[in-house]
Amino acid sequence: MRCAGDLFKERLMQRQKGACLICGEPLVYLKQAEMMKCSFCGREEPSYAKCGAGHYVCDACHARQGIESIMRYCAAAAGRDPIAMLTDMMNDPYIHMHGPEHHTMVGAALMTAYRNAGGDIDLTACLAEMKKRGARCPGGSCGFWGCCGAAVSAGMCMSIITGTTPLSGKTWGTANITTARALEAIGRIGGPRCCKRDSFTAVIEAAKLIEAELGIALDMPPRVTCAFSAENKQCLGKNCPYFQGKTYHQLTRTHKVLGAK
């Protein structure tokens, strides 16, 4: 029978995804890309990230099961609160602590809540398009491009639900402003990156613009709180606006004390 300590460590290994999916070692971020081979599918491509043992997992393999979970959840969801939807999806075991699946999740939650709140869209078609576009925004874009994928996802959502193209007028501006507002809010909080914090922030900013520009009010909670702090080694703790509990380091210290003999 597994003890509580074993379950705790197993959960961190499953969902603390600043770690390698192969061996659990922390990821190493490079200043210049190197050619790497995915340990799952064998694909070779340039990348800025690998684990300390040299393992590399491409974005497609990292996010595949999580993206399918996002699509299934949103297709069946009836709620109007995109933060509640995010939290539900983030609790799925295939959604890692950090990763490119968030670049699809933000937009998917927003457009689902928008449709459920009265927005006139074909949700099935919009989710399919969100899946395609989100997959094109790579992991690590926040640090390497200066453009967090959660913010881009919010802008993608606005573009998709308004049918915006490069030749559009007003909605072209609205889609870009959506990304810009989300990026500014994310940037002002500061780093290191946290895909949960950045996703919450992007949704909050996008919901404001959806109501102001499209006239659809989403059900937003009076306060957003994060339940994932213990899974993030780089959690900002009290400097994060959504922090409500102990950080990864606080919990691991507590675990060591409780497990001491």
Protein backbone atom coordinates (compact mmCIF):
# COMPACT_ATOMS: atom_id res chain seq x y z
CA MET A 1 0.00 0.00 0.00
CA ARG A 2 1.41 3.41 -0.98
CA CYS A 3 1.93 5.96 1.78
CA ALA A 4 0.92 9.63 1.60
CA GLY A 5 4.52 10.58 0.91
CA ASP A 6 4.67 8.30 -2.13
CA LEU A 7 1.41 9.72 -3.46
CA PHE A 8 2.73 13.25 -2.96
CA LYS A 9 5.90 12.52 -4.91
CA GLU A 10 3.95 10.69 -7.62
CA ARG A 11 1.64 13.68 -8.09
CA LEU A 12 4.58 16.05 -8.38
CA MET A 13 6.16 13.80 -10.99
CA GLN A 14 2.92 13.58 -12.95
CA ARG A 15 2.07 17.27 -12.94
CA GLN A 16 5.15 19.28 -11.97
CA LYS A 17 6.15 19.80 -15.56
CA GLY A 18 9.07 22.05 -15.27
CA ALA A 19 10.49 18.50 -15.24
CA CYS A 20 11.36 16.02 -17.96
CA LEU A 21 8.52 13.72 -19.00
CA ILE A 22 11.04 10.90 -19.43
CA CYS A 23 13.10 10.96 -16.23
CA GLY A 24 11.77 13.82 -14.07
CA GLU A 25 14.98 15.85 -14.19
CA PRO A 26 14.59 19.67 -14.32
CA LEU A 27 14.60 21.29 -17.74
CA VAL A 28 17.58 23.29 -18.95
CA TYR A 29 16.88 26.32 -21.16
CA LEU A 30 19.52 27.28 -23.72
CA LYS A 31 20.27 30.74 -25.09
CA GLN A 32 20.68 29.33 -28.60
CA ALA A 33 18.70 26.51 -30.20
CA GLU A 34 20.27 23.12 -30.80
CA MET A 35 19.12 20.23 -32.98
CA MET A 36 17.39 17.66 -30.78
CA LYS A 37 15.57 14.37 -31.29
CA CYS A 38 12.23 13.78 -29.54
CA SER A 39 12.49 10.86 -27.13
CA PHE A 40 8.91 9.84 -27.98
CA CYS A 41 8.36 10.25 -31.72
CA GLY A 42 11.94 10.56 -32.99
CA ARG A 43 11.31 13.89 -34.72
CA GLU A 44 14.44 16.04 -35.09
CA GLU A 45 14.14 19.82 -34.79
CA PRO A 46 15.90 22.83 -33.23
CA SER A 47 14.92 23.50 -29.62
CA TYR A 48 15.95 25.65 -26.68
CA ALA A 49 15.00 23.16 -23.96
CA LYS A 50 16.08 19.72 -22.81
CA CYS A 51 16.50 18.05 -19.45
CA GLY A 52 19.78 17.73 -17.59
CA ALA A 53 20.09 14.14 -18.80
CA GLY A 54 19.68 15.23 -22.43
CA HIS A 55 16.09 14.08 -23.06
CA TYR A 56 13.93 16.17 -25.39
CA VAL A 57 10.16 15.97 -25.91
CA CYS A 58 8.67 17.95 -28.81
CA ASP A 59 5.67 20.24 -28.27
CA ALA A 60 3.34 17.91 -30.16
CA CYS A 61 4.12 14.92 -27.94
CA HIS A 62 4.15 17.04 -24.79
CA ALA A 63 0.68 18.45 -25.43
CA ARG A 64 -1.12 15.76 -27.48
CA GLN A 65 -3.20 14.08 -24.77
CA GLY A 66 -3.81 17.36 -22.98
CA ILE A 67 -5.17 19.01 -26.13
CA GLU A 68 -7.61 16.16 -26.69
CA SER A 69 -8.80 16.51 -23.09
CA ILE A 70 -9.33 20.25 -23.65
CA MET A 71 -11.38 19.63 -26.79
CA ARG A 72 -13.59 17.03 -25.10
CA TYR A 73 -14.16 19.19 -22.04
CA CYS A 74 -15.09 22.34 -23.94
CA ALA A 75 -17.37 20.52 -26.37
CA ALA A 76 -19.49 19.35 -23.42
CA ALA A 77 -19.17 22.34 -21.06
CA ALA A 78 -22.29 24.36 -20.24
CA GLY A 79 -20.79 27.00 -17.94
CA ARG A 80 -20.16 30.68 -18.55
CA ASP A 81 -17.17 31.09 -16.23
CA PRO A 82 -13.90 30.67 -18.16
CA ILE A 83 -11.82 30.71 -14.95
CA ALA A 84 -13.79 27.75 -13.57
CA MET A 85 -13.30 26.01 -16.91
CA LEU A 86 -9.56 26.67 -16.82
CA THR A 87 -9.31 25.27 -13.31
CA ASP A 88 -11.26 22.14 -14.26
CA MET A 89 -9.03 21.53 -17.26
CA MET A 90 -5.85 22.28 -15.33
CA ASN A 91 -6.80 19.51 -12.91
CA ASP A 92 -6.78 16.97 -15.72
CA PRO A 93 -3.76 14.64 -15.28
CA TYR A 94 -2.77 15.21 -18.92
CA ILE A 95 -2.46 18.97 -18.44
CA HIS A 96 1.05 19.59 -17.21
CA MET A 97 2.10 22.37 -14.84
CA HIS A 98 3.76 24.19 -17.72
CA GLY A 99 3.48 23.53 -21.42
CA PRO A 100 2.12 24.54 -24.84
CA GLU A 101 -1.30 23.00 -24.14
CA HIS A 102 -2.08 26.27 -22.32
CA HIS A 103 -1.77 28.07 -25.66
CA THR A 104 -4.92 26.26 -26.76
CA MET A 105 -6.66 26.06 -23.38
CA VAL A 106 -7.02 29.82 -22.81
CA GLY A 107 -8.76 30.49 -26.11
CA ALA A 108 -10.86 27.34 -25.86
CA ALA A 109 -12.17 28.29 -22.41
CA LEU A 110 -12.97 31.84 -23.54
CA MET A 111 -14.86 30.87 -26.69
CA THR A 112 -16.80 28.15 -24.84
CA ALA A 113 -17.89 30.57 -22.12
CA TYR A 114 -18.70 33.16 -24.81
CA ARG A 115 -20.97 30.74 -26.69
CA ASN A 116 -22.66 29.61 -23.48
CA ALA A 117 -23.24 33.23 -22.45
CA GLY A 118 -25.10 33.97 -25.69
CA GLY A 119 -22.35 34.47 -28.27
CA ASP A 120 -23.44 33.48 -31.77
CA ILE A 121 -20.71 31.09 -32.93
CA ASP A 122 -20.35 27.54 -34.18
CA LEU A 123 -18.41 26.24 -31.18
CA THR A 124 -17.36 22.99 -32.86
CA ALA A 125 -15.77 24.87 -35.75
CA CYS A 126 -14.23 27.48 -33.46
CA LEU A 127 -12.65 24.87 -31.20
CA ALA A 128 -11.22 23.04 -34.20
CA GLU A 129 -9.64 26.27 -35.43
CA MET A 130 -8.36 27.08 -31.93
CA LYS A 131 -6.69 23.68 -31.81
CA LYS A 132 -4.91 24.36 -35.12
CA ARG A 133 -3.76 27.86 -34.25
CA GLY A 134 -2.77 27.08 -30.66
CA ALA A 135 -0.51 24.27 -31.85
CA ARG A 136 1.52 26.79 -33.87
CA CYS A 137 2.56 28.79 -30.80
CA PRO A 138 5.61 27.00 -29.35
CA GLY A 139 6.45 26.30 -25.75
CA GLY A 140 8.80 28.87 -24.24
CA SER A 141 7.58 31.71 -26.46
CA CYS A 142 7.11 33.83 -23.32
CA GLY A 143 10.84 33.94 -22.67
CA PHE A 144 12.31 33.44 -26.14
CA TRP A 145 9.89 35.62 -28.12
CA GLY A 146 8.77 38.04 -25.41
CA CYS A 147 5.22 36.97 -26.26
CA CYS A 148 3.46 34.61 -23.85
CA GLY A 149 1.36 31.97 -25.58
CA ALA A 150 -1.49 32.45 -23.11
CA ALA A 151 -1.88 36.05 -24.27
CA VAL A 152 -1.62 35.02 -27.91
CA SER A 153 -4.30 32.39 -27.28
CA ALA A 154 -6.64 35.10 -25.99
CA GLY A 155 -5.99 37.12 -29.14
CA MET A 156 -6.55 34.02 -31.28
CA CYS A 157 -9.91 33.51 -29.58
CA MET A 158 -10.99 37.07 -30.33
CA SER A 159 -9.87 36.65 -33.94
CA ILE A 160 -11.73 33.36 -34.35
CA ILE A 161 -15.04 34.37 -32.78
CA THR A 162 -15.13 37.62 -34.78
CA GLY A 163 -14.02 36.01 -38.05
CA THR A 164 -11.03 38.33 -38.29
CA THR A 165 -8.47 38.12 -41.10
CA PRO A 166 -5.44 40.30 -41.95
CA LEU A 167 -7.80 42.40 -44.10
CA SER A 168 -10.40 43.07 -41.39
CA GLY A 169 -10.98 46.52 -39.96
CA LYS A 170 -12.23 47.09 -36.43
CA THR A 171 -11.98 43.47 -35.33
CA TRP A 172 -8.37 43.32 -36.53
CA GLY A 173 -7.60 46.01 -33.99
CA THR A 174 -9.67 44.34 -31.27
CA ALA A 175 -7.87 41.01 -31.69
CA ASN A 176 -4.47 42.68 -31.44
CA ILE A 177 -5.52 44.78 -28.46
CA THR A 178 -6.70 41.61 -26.73
CA THR A 179 -3.24 40.09 -27.03
CA ALA A 180 -1.60 43.37 -26.05
CA ARG A 181 -3.72 43.87 -22.91
CA ALA A 182 -3.09 40.30 -21.80
CA LEU A 183 0.64 40.58 -22.48
CA GLU A 184 0.95 43.82 -20.54
CA ALA A 185 -0.86 42.40 -17.53
CA ILE A 186 1.27 39.23 -17.64
CA GLY A 187 4.47 41.25 -17.99
CA ARG A 188 3.67 43.56 -15.11
CA ILE A 189 3.42 40.62 -12.71
CA GLY A 190 6.89 39.50 -13.74
CA GLY A 191 8.68 36.16 -14.02
CA PRO A 192 9.71 33.43 -13.91
CA ARG A 193 6.96 32.07 -16.11
CA CYS A 194 3.97 30.24 -14.72
CA CYS A 195 1.53 28.85 -17.26
CA LYS A 196 -1.28 28.83 -14.68
CA ARG A 197 -0.77 32.45 -13.60
CA ASP A 198 -0.37 33.64 -17.18
CA SER A 199 -3.49 31.76 -18.32
CA PHE A 200 -5.62 33.23 -15.54
CA THR A 201 -4.34 36.71 -16.36
CA ALA A 202 -4.97 36.36 -20.09
CA VAL A 203 -8.55 35.18 -19.51
CA ILE A 204 -9.30 38.04 -17.10
CA GLU A 205 -8.11 40.66 -19.59
CA ALA A 206 -9.84 39.02 -22.58
CA ALA A 207 -13.16 38.75 -20.70
CA LYS A 208 -13.13 42.51 -20.17
CA LEU A 209 -12.74 43.12 -23.91
CA ILE A 210 -15.32 40.52 -24.87
CA GLU A 211 -17.87 42.40 -22.79
CA ALA A 212 -16.75 45.87 -23.91
CA GLU A 213 -16.43 45.08 -27.63
CA LEU A 214 -18.88 42.23 -28.21
CA GLY A 215 -21.49 42.94 -25.53
CA ILE A 216 -21.32 39.49 -23.94
CA ALA A 217 -20.61 39.37 -20.20
CA LEU A 218 -18.92 36.19 -19.01
CA ASP A 219 -19.41 34.93 -15.46
CA MET A 220 -16.18 35.97 -13.78
CA PRO A 221 -15.42 35.15 -10.13
CA PRO A 222 -14.90 38.06 -7.69
CA ARG A 223 -11.43 36.69 -6.93
CA VAL A 224 -9.24 34.21 -8.77
CA THR A 225 -7.25 31.79 -6.62
CA CYS A 226 -4.69 29.24 -7.76
CA ALA A 227 -4.63 25.67 -6.49
CA PHE A 228 -1.39 24.72 -8.27
CA SER A 229 1.30 26.57 -6.32
CA ALA A 230 2.67 23.37 -4.82
CA GLU A 231 3.40 22.02 -8.30
CA ASN A 232 5.50 24.96 -9.45
CA LYS A 233 9.11 25.17 -8.29
CA GLN A 234 9.25 28.78 -9.49
CA CYS A 235 6.00 29.94 -7.85
CA LEU A 236 6.12 33.63 -6.91
CA GLY A 237 4.22 32.90 -3.71
CA LYS A 238 2.77 36.03 -2.15
CA ASN A 239 3.94 38.08 -5.14
CA CYS A 240 1.43 36.25 -7.34
CA PRO A 241 -2.06 37.84 -7.33
CA TYR A 242 -3.68 34.39 -7.33
CA PHE A 243 -1.60 32.75 -4.60
CA GLN A 244 -3.56 31.18 -1.75
CA GLY A 245 -1.47 28.39 -0.28
CA LYS A 246 1.98 26.94 0.19
CA THR A 247 4.61 26.83 -2.52
CA TYR A 248 6.34 23.73 -3.87
CA HIS A 249 9.37 24.39 -1.66
CA GLN A 250 7.27 24.91 1.47
CA LEU A 251 5.40 21.65 0.91
CA THR A 252 8.52 19.65 0.13
CA ARG A 253 10.13 20.96 3.32
CA THR A 254 7.00 19.99 5.28
CA HIS A 255 7.05 16.54 3.68
CA LYS A 256 10.68 16.03 4.73
CA VAL A 257 9.90 17.04 8.31
CA LEU A 258 6.86 14.75 8.52
CA GLY A 259 8.79 11.89 6.99
CA ALA A 260 11.86 12.33 9.21
CA LYS A 261 12.67 9.52 11.60
